[in-house]
Amino acid sequence: MAGTRVRPGITRQDLRPRSGEIVDAVADGRSFTVTRDGHPIGRLLRPLTLPP
């Protein structure tokens, strides 16, 4: 995704205003670690198989 500036680690505060950009990046195969107060709390990644 050209021009995307989403970092591999994103804060939960970044999720709401940038959700469209983040979801598009995940759909393109990127994965992200979600952090809160500097600590990882979850991962966003594309499933191994996509529904038809």
C-alpha atoms as a PDB file:
ATOM      1  CA  MET A   1       0.000   0.000   0.000  1.00  0.00           C
ATOM      2  CA  ALA A   2       1.896   3.007  -1.252  1.00  0.00           C
ATOM      3  CA  GLY A   3       2.091   5.962   1.104  1.00  0.00           C
ATOM      4  CA  THR A   4       0.727   4.161   4.142  1.00  0.00           C
ATOM      5  CA  ARG A   5       2.374   5.368   7.313  1.00  0.00           C
ATOM      6  CA  VAL A   6       1.048   2.738   9.721  1.00  0.00           C
ATOM      7  CA  ARG A   7       3.722   1.482  12.101  1.00  0.00           C
ATOM      8  CA  PRO A   8       3.979  -2.217  13.067  1.00  0.00           C
ATOM      9  CA  GLY A   9       3.122  -1.195  16.636  1.00  0.00           C
ATOM     10  CA  ILE A  10       0.002   0.941  17.042  1.00  0.00           C
ATOM     11  CA  THR A  11      -1.580   2.368  20.146  1.00  0.00           C
ATOM     12  CA  ARG A  12      -5.200   1.686  20.935  1.00  0.00           C
ATOM     13  CA  GLN A  13      -5.769   5.457  20.558  1.00  0.00           C
ATOM     14  CA  ASP A  14      -4.601   5.158  16.913  1.00  0.00           C
ATOM     15  CA  LEU A  15      -7.149   2.443  16.150  1.00  0.00           C
ATOM     16  CA  ARG A  16     -10.277   4.592  16.037  1.00  0.00           C
ATOM     17  CA  PRO A  17      -9.167   7.542  13.891  1.00  0.00           C
ATOM     18  CA  ARG A  18      -7.047   5.368  11.572  1.00  0.00           C
ATOM     19  CA  SER A  19      -9.120   2.181  11.507  1.00  0.00           C
ATOM     20  CA  GLY A  20      -9.777   2.325   7.757  1.00  0.00           C
ATOM     21  CA  GLU A  21      -6.103   2.695   6.935  1.00  0.00           C
ATOM     22  CA  ILE A  22      -5.141  -0.041   9.402  1.00  0.00           C
ATOM     23  CA  VAL A  23      -7.779  -2.484   8.126  1.00  0.00           C
ATOM     24  CA  ASP A  24      -6.668  -1.859   4.534  1.00  0.00           C
ATOM     25  CA  ALA A  25      -3.063  -2.571   5.516  1.00  0.00           C
ATOM     26  CA  VAL A  26      -4.081  -5.826   7.267  1.00  0.00           C
ATOM     27  CA  ALA A  27      -6.068  -6.826   4.151  1.00  0.00           C
ATOM     28  CA  ASP A  28      -2.857  -6.247   2.166  1.00  0.00           C
ATOM     29  CA  GLY A  29      -1.047  -8.744   4.415  1.00  0.00           C
ATOM     30  CA  ARG A  30       0.544  -6.510   7.058  1.00  0.00           C
ATOM     31  CA  SER A  31       0.262  -7.326  10.762  1.00  0.00           C
ATOM     32  CA  PHE A  32       0.338  -5.039  13.781  1.00  0.00           C
ATOM     33  CA  THR A  33       0.843  -5.208  17.514  1.00  0.00           C
ATOM     34  CA  VAL A  34      -1.643  -3.128  19.476  1.00  0.00           C
ATOM     35  CA  THR A  35      -0.159  -1.482  22.566  1.00  0.00           C
ATOM     36  CA  ARG A  36      -1.527   0.203  25.671  1.00  0.00           C
ATOM     37  CA  ASP A  37       0.798   2.227  27.857  1.00  0.00           C
ATOM     38  CA  GLY A  38       3.710   0.863  25.844  1.00  0.00           C
ATOM     39  CA  HIS A  39       2.800  -2.789  26.463  1.00  0.00           C
ATOM     40  CA  PRO A  40       1.508  -5.169  23.788  1.00  0.00           C
ATOM     41  CA  ILE A  41      -2.130  -6.173  24.319  1.00  0.00           C
ATOM     42  CA  GLY A  42      -3.077  -7.779  20.989  1.00  0.00           C
ATOM     43  CA  ARG A  43      -2.294  -8.485  17.347  1.00  0.00           C
ATOM     44  CA  LEU A  44      -4.087  -7.617  14.135  1.00  0.00           C
ATOM     45  CA  LEU A  45      -3.299  -9.942  11.258  1.00  0.00           C
ATOM     46  CA  ARG A  46      -4.832 -11.359   8.140  1.00  0.00           C
ATOM     47  CA  PRO A  47      -6.337 -14.854   8.565  1.00  0.00           C
ATOM     48  CA  LEU A  48      -4.458 -17.742   6.973  1.00  0.00           C
ATOM     49  CA  THR A  49      -7.456 -18.440   4.734  1.00  0.00           C
ATOM     50  CA  LEU A  50     -10.011 -15.952   3.525  1.00  0.00           C
ATOM     51  CA  PRO A  51     -13.689 -16.769   3.148  1.00  0.00           C
ATOM     52  CA  PRO A  52     -14.908 -17.242  -0.445  1.00  0.00           C
END
